[in-house]
Amino acid sequence: MPTRYYLSLADPARARGGDPALAFRSQGAEGLAVELQQALRTDALFERWRARQDDPDAVDPALGATDPAADVRGEQHDLHIDLIATTSLPGSILRHRLRLLAGDGWQLKDVRAA
């Protein structure tokens, strides 16, 4: 069953993960939404992250789960951006992908059944 996650990026310019090769590149709401949606629909971000680990083969493959039907919408509000992600992936995987993309620059505002 899909879940809808309401996320906020208070300072989008600073919402970047620690590794620039994995972090968000976009600045606007639409671009950030597309990048997160891609990170949920495919395993490309996971595979790039896994390849950078000391022992890639030891990484739990369950972290690479994908949801081809994931949908992310972005909304610009003055200086902050809200993202609404709808996915069947567990919250732990969503949080992992967001940490790679945005570091600590995001906040979970609400979670609801979709």
Protein backbone atom coordinates (compact mmCIF):
# COMPACT_ATOMS: atom_id res chain seq x y z
CA MET A 1 0.00 0.00 0.00
CA PRO A 2 1.49 3.37 -0.98
CA THR A 3 2.29 6.00 1.61
CA ARG A 4 2.41 9.74 1.08
CA TYR A 5 5.33 11.58 2.72
CA TYR A 6 5.20 15.35 3.17
CA LEU A 7 8.74 16.74 3.20
CA SER A 8 10.13 20.23 3.56
CA LEU A 9 13.45 21.71 2.47
CA ALA A 10 13.76 24.91 4.52
CA ASP A 11 16.88 26.04 2.67
CA PRO A 12 17.01 24.24 -0.70
CA ALA A 13 20.47 25.58 -1.55
CA ARG A 14 21.88 23.87 1.55
CA ALA A 15 19.88 20.65 1.15
CA ARG A 16 22.79 18.65 -0.20
CA GLY A 17 24.21 15.32 0.87
CA GLY A 18 27.79 14.99 2.04
CA ASP A 19 29.01 13.44 -1.21
CA PRO A 20 28.54 15.81 -4.19
CA ALA A 21 28.49 12.82 -6.56
CA LEU A 22 25.28 11.62 -4.88
CA ALA A 23 23.68 14.89 -3.74
CA PHE A 24 20.87 16.90 -5.29
CA ARG A 25 22.02 19.02 -8.23
CA SER A 26 18.79 20.94 -8.85
CA GLN A 27 17.76 24.16 -7.15
CA GLY A 28 14.05 24.44 -7.92
CA ALA A 29 11.04 22.46 -6.74
CA GLU A 30 10.47 20.65 -10.03
CA GLY A 31 14.09 19.57 -10.42
CA LEU A 32 14.38 18.34 -6.84
CA ALA A 33 11.13 16.40 -7.22
CA VAL A 34 12.38 14.74 -10.41
CA GLU A 35 15.69 13.76 -8.76
CA LEU A 36 13.97 12.24 -5.72
CA GLN A 37 11.42 10.48 -7.92
CA GLN A 38 14.23 8.97 -10.00
CA ALA A 39 16.01 7.86 -6.80
CA LEU A 40 12.86 6.01 -5.72
CA ARG A 41 11.93 4.54 -9.10
CA THR A 42 15.37 3.20 -10.04
CA ASP A 43 18.38 1.77 -8.24
CA ALA A 44 20.86 4.15 -9.92
CA LEU A 45 21.50 6.31 -6.82
CA PHE A 46 21.72 3.23 -4.62
CA GLU A 47 24.20 1.57 -6.97
CA ARG A 48 26.40 4.70 -7.10
CA TRP A 49 26.36 4.85 -3.30
CA ARG A 50 27.04 1.11 -2.93
CA ALA A 51 30.01 1.29 -5.30
CA ARG A 52 31.57 3.93 -3.02
CA GLN A 53 31.42 1.68 0.08
CA ASP A 54 34.51 -0.10 1.40
CA ASP A 55 32.88 -3.49 0.83
CA PRO A 56 30.07 -3.07 -1.71
CA ASP A 57 29.22 -6.77 -1.58
CA ALA A 58 28.46 -6.49 2.16
CA VAL A 59 25.74 -3.87 1.60
CA ASP A 60 22.25 -5.20 2.25
CA PRO A 61 20.65 -5.51 -1.22
CA ALA A 62 17.25 -4.73 0.33
CA LEU A 63 18.40 -1.08 0.55
CA GLY A 64 18.30 -1.05 -3.26
CA ALA A 65 14.56 -1.69 -3.47
CA THR A 66 12.69 0.43 -6.02
CA ASP A 67 9.14 1.55 -6.69
CA PRO A 68 8.58 2.15 -10.43
CA ALA A 69 5.26 3.83 -9.59
CA ALA A 70 6.74 6.33 -7.10
CA ASP A 71 5.56 9.89 -7.65
CA VAL A 72 7.11 13.07 -6.26
CA ARG A 73 5.69 16.57 -6.62
CA GLY A 74 7.51 19.74 -5.66
CA GLU A 75 6.04 23.07 -4.58
CA GLN A 76 7.94 26.33 -4.16
CA HIS A 77 6.82 28.46 -1.19
CA ASP A 78 8.76 31.71 -0.84
CA LEU A 79 12.18 30.48 0.28
CA HIS A 80 11.41 26.84 1.08
CA ILE A 81 10.34 23.86 -1.01
CA ASP A 82 7.81 21.19 -0.11
CA LEU A 83 8.06 17.74 -1.66
CA ILE A 84 5.22 15.24 -1.59
CA ALA A 85 6.45 11.71 -2.25
CA THR A 86 4.02 8.85 -2.81
CA THR A 87 5.65 5.44 -2.73
CA SER A 88 5.23 1.86 -1.58
CA LEU A 89 8.86 1.79 -0.37
CA PRO A 90 9.42 1.59 3.38
CA GLY A 91 10.19 4.86 5.18
CA SER A 92 13.69 3.63 6.01
CA ILE A 93 14.59 3.45 2.31
CA LEU A 94 13.06 6.86 1.61
CA ARG A 95 15.10 8.33 4.49
CA HIS A 96 18.30 6.68 3.23
CA ARG A 97 17.84 8.12 -0.27
CA LEU A 98 17.00 11.56 1.14
CA ARG A 99 20.13 11.54 3.31
CA LEU A 100 22.22 10.81 0.22
CA LEU A 101 20.50 13.53 -1.79
CA ALA A 102 19.87 16.23 0.82
CA GLY A 103 21.97 15.34 3.86
CA ASP A 104 20.27 16.77 6.95
CA GLY A 105 18.64 19.57 4.94
CA TRP A 106 15.14 18.08 4.90
CA GLN A 107 12.33 17.56 7.38
CA LEU A 108 9.50 15.04 7.42
CA LYS A 109 6.30 16.99 8.11
CA ASP A 110 3.61 14.32 7.83
CA VAL A 111 2.93 10.75 6.69
CA ARG A 112 -0.43 9.50 5.40
CA ALA A 113 -1.82 6.52 3.56
CA ALA A 114 -2.08 7.34 -0.14
